[in-house]
């Protein structure tokens, strides 16, 4: 009788352990997805800021070039 109770206790402990491992794995995968998504959003935001800066620089250069041509036209 005691050995039978011991096996039941081992089986229950094993089931709980396996369930906890599965829960931890699922939670870990979800955390990785959230981290990946947030880092991707951050990358897209940095990429957008870089694109805006390039456009500003190009506009400044166009204004500067136009001003220089008006002052000293090319011959």
C-alpha atoms as a PDB file:
ATOM      1  CA  UNK A   1       0.000   0.000   0.000  1.00  0.00           C
ATOM      2  CA  UNK A   2       2.792   2.435   0.870  1.00  0.00           C
ATOM      3  CA  UNK A   3       4.670   1.770  -2.351  1.00  0.00           C
ATOM      4  CA  UNK A   4       1.492   2.426  -4.340  1.00  0.00           C
ATOM      5  CA  UNK A   5       1.031   5.809  -2.623  1.00  0.00           C
ATOM      6  CA  UNK A   6       4.664   6.596  -3.360  1.00  0.00           C
ATOM      7  CA  UNK A   7       4.180   5.931  -7.062  1.00  0.00           C
ATOM      8  CA  UNK A   8       1.083   8.145  -7.125  1.00  0.00           C
ATOM      9  CA  UNK A   9       3.026  10.919  -5.419  1.00  0.00           C
ATOM     10  CA  UNK A  10       5.881  10.557  -7.929  1.00  0.00           C
ATOM     11  CA  UNK A  11       3.426  10.601 -10.856  1.00  0.00           C
ATOM     12  CA  UNK A  12       1.655  13.704  -9.542  1.00  0.00           C
ATOM     13  CA  UNK A  13       4.977  15.454  -8.931  1.00  0.00           C
ATOM     14  CA  UNK A  14       6.152  14.494 -12.412  1.00  0.00           C
ATOM     15  CA  UNK A  15       2.939  15.807 -14.007  1.00  0.00           C
ATOM     16  CA  UNK A  16       3.215  19.083 -12.089  1.00  0.00           C
ATOM     17  CA  UNK A  17       6.875  19.433 -13.076  1.00  0.00           C
ATOM     18  CA  UNK A  18       6.154  18.781 -16.756  1.00  0.00           C
ATOM     19  CA  UNK A  19       3.237  21.232 -16.671  1.00  0.00           C
ATOM     20  CA  UNK A  20       5.420  23.923 -15.097  1.00  0.00           C
ATOM     21  CA  UNK A  21       8.148  23.362 -17.698  1.00  0.00           C
ATOM     22  CA  UNK A  22       5.601  23.714 -20.513  1.00  0.00           C
ATOM     23  CA  UNK A  23       4.163  26.881 -18.948  1.00  0.00           C
ATOM     24  CA  UNK A  24       7.654  28.366 -18.582  1.00  0.00           C
ATOM     25  CA  UNK A  25       8.516  27.530 -22.191  1.00  0.00           C
ATOM     26  CA  UNK A  26       5.303  29.093 -23.503  1.00  0.00           C
ATOM     27  CA  UNK A  27       5.838  32.188 -21.360  1.00  0.00           C
ATOM     28  CA  UNK A  28       9.453  32.445 -22.552  1.00  0.00           C
ATOM     29  CA  UNK A  29       8.424  32.226 -26.206  1.00  0.00           C
ATOM     30  CA  UNK A  30       5.776  34.918 -25.680  1.00  0.00           C
ATOM     31  CA  UNK A  31       8.358  37.151 -24.006  1.00  0.00           C
ATOM     32  CA  UNK A  32      10.731  36.676 -26.942  1.00  0.00           C
ATOM     33  CA  UNK A  33       7.945  37.632 -29.354  1.00  0.00           C
ATOM     34  CA  UNK A  34       7.216  40.789 -27.366  1.00  0.00           C
ATOM     35  CA  UNK A  35      10.910  41.699 -27.217  1.00  0.00           C
ATOM     36  CA  UNK A  36      11.333  41.052 -30.942  1.00  0.00           C
ATOM     37  CA  UNK A  37       8.268  43.123 -31.786  1.00  0.00           C
ATOM     38  CA  UNK A  38       9.375  46.048 -29.602  1.00  0.00           C
ATOM     39  CA  UNK A  39      12.912  45.962 -30.995  1.00  0.00           C
ATOM     40  CA  UNK A  40      11.487  45.858 -34.523  1.00  0.00           C
ATOM     41  CA  UNK A  41       9.303  48.887 -33.734  1.00  0.00           C
ATOM     42  CA  UNK A  42      12.343  50.677 -32.320  1.00  0.00           C
ATOM     43  CA  UNK A  43      14.359  49.803 -35.447  1.00  0.00           C
ATOM     44  CA  UNK A  44      11.564  51.114 -37.698  1.00  0.00           C
ATOM     45  CA  UNK A  45      11.367  54.303 -35.633  1.00  0.00           C
ATOM     46  CA  UNK A  46      15.142  54.828 -35.917  1.00  0.00           C
ATOM     47  CA  UNK A  47      14.954  54.088 -39.644  1.00  0.00           C
ATOM     48  CA  UNK A  48      12.167  56.642 -40.038  1.00  0.00           C
ATOM     49  CA  UNK A  49      14.147  59.255 -38.081  1.00  0.00           C
ATOM     50  CA  UNK A  50      17.177  58.588 -40.283  1.00  0.00           C
ATOM     51  CA  UNK A  51      15.031  58.984 -43.417  1.00  0.00           C
ATOM     52  CA  UNK A  52      13.612  62.288 -42.144  1.00  0.00           C
ATOM     53  CA  UNK A  53      17.145  63.537 -41.404  1.00  0.00           C
ATOM     54  CA  UNK A  54      18.273  62.590 -44.929  1.00  0.00           C
ATOM     55  CA  UNK A  55      15.330  64.510 -46.407  1.00  0.00           C
ATOM     56  CA  UNK A  56      16.151  67.555 -44.269  1.00  0.00           C
ATOM     57  CA  UNK A  57      19.795  67.444 -45.344  1.00  0.00           C
ATOM     58  CA  UNK A  58      18.785  67.132 -48.986  1.00  0.00           C
ATOM     59  CA  UNK A  59      16.402  70.081 -48.696  1.00  0.00           C
ATOM     60  CA  UNK A  60      19.110  72.179 -47.028  1.00  0.00           C
ATOM     61  CA  UNK A  61      21.548  71.268 -49.798  1.00  0.00           C
ATOM     62  CA  UNK A  62      19.014  72.128 -52.497  1.00  0.00           C
ATOM     63  CA  UNK A  63      18.368  75.510 -50.882  1.00  0.00           C
ATOM     64  CA  UNK A  64      22.103  76.129 -50.493  1.00  0.00           C
ATOM     65  CA  UNK A  65      22.838  75.113 -54.094  1.00  0.00           C
ATOM     66  CA  UNK A  66      20.006  77.263 -55.437  1.00  0.00           C
ATOM     67  CA  UNK A  67      21.252  80.247 -53.451  1.00  0.00           C
ATOM     68  CA  UNK A  68      24.821  79.784 -54.721  1.00  0.00           C
ATOM     69  CA  UNK A  69      23.615  79.540 -58.321  1.00  0.00           C
ATOM     70  CA  UNK A  70      21.651  82.757 -57.959  1.00  0.00           C
ATOM     71  CA  UNK A  71      24.663  84.557 -56.532  1.00  0.00           C
ATOM     72  CA  UNK A  72      27.240  83.056 -58.894  1.00  0.00           C
ATOM     73  CA  UNK A  73      25.583  81.576 -61.960  1.00  0.00           C
ATOM     74  CA  UNK A  74      27.421  78.878 -63.827  1.00  0.00           C
ATOM     75  CA  UNK A  75      28.906  79.933 -67.164  1.00  0.00           C
END
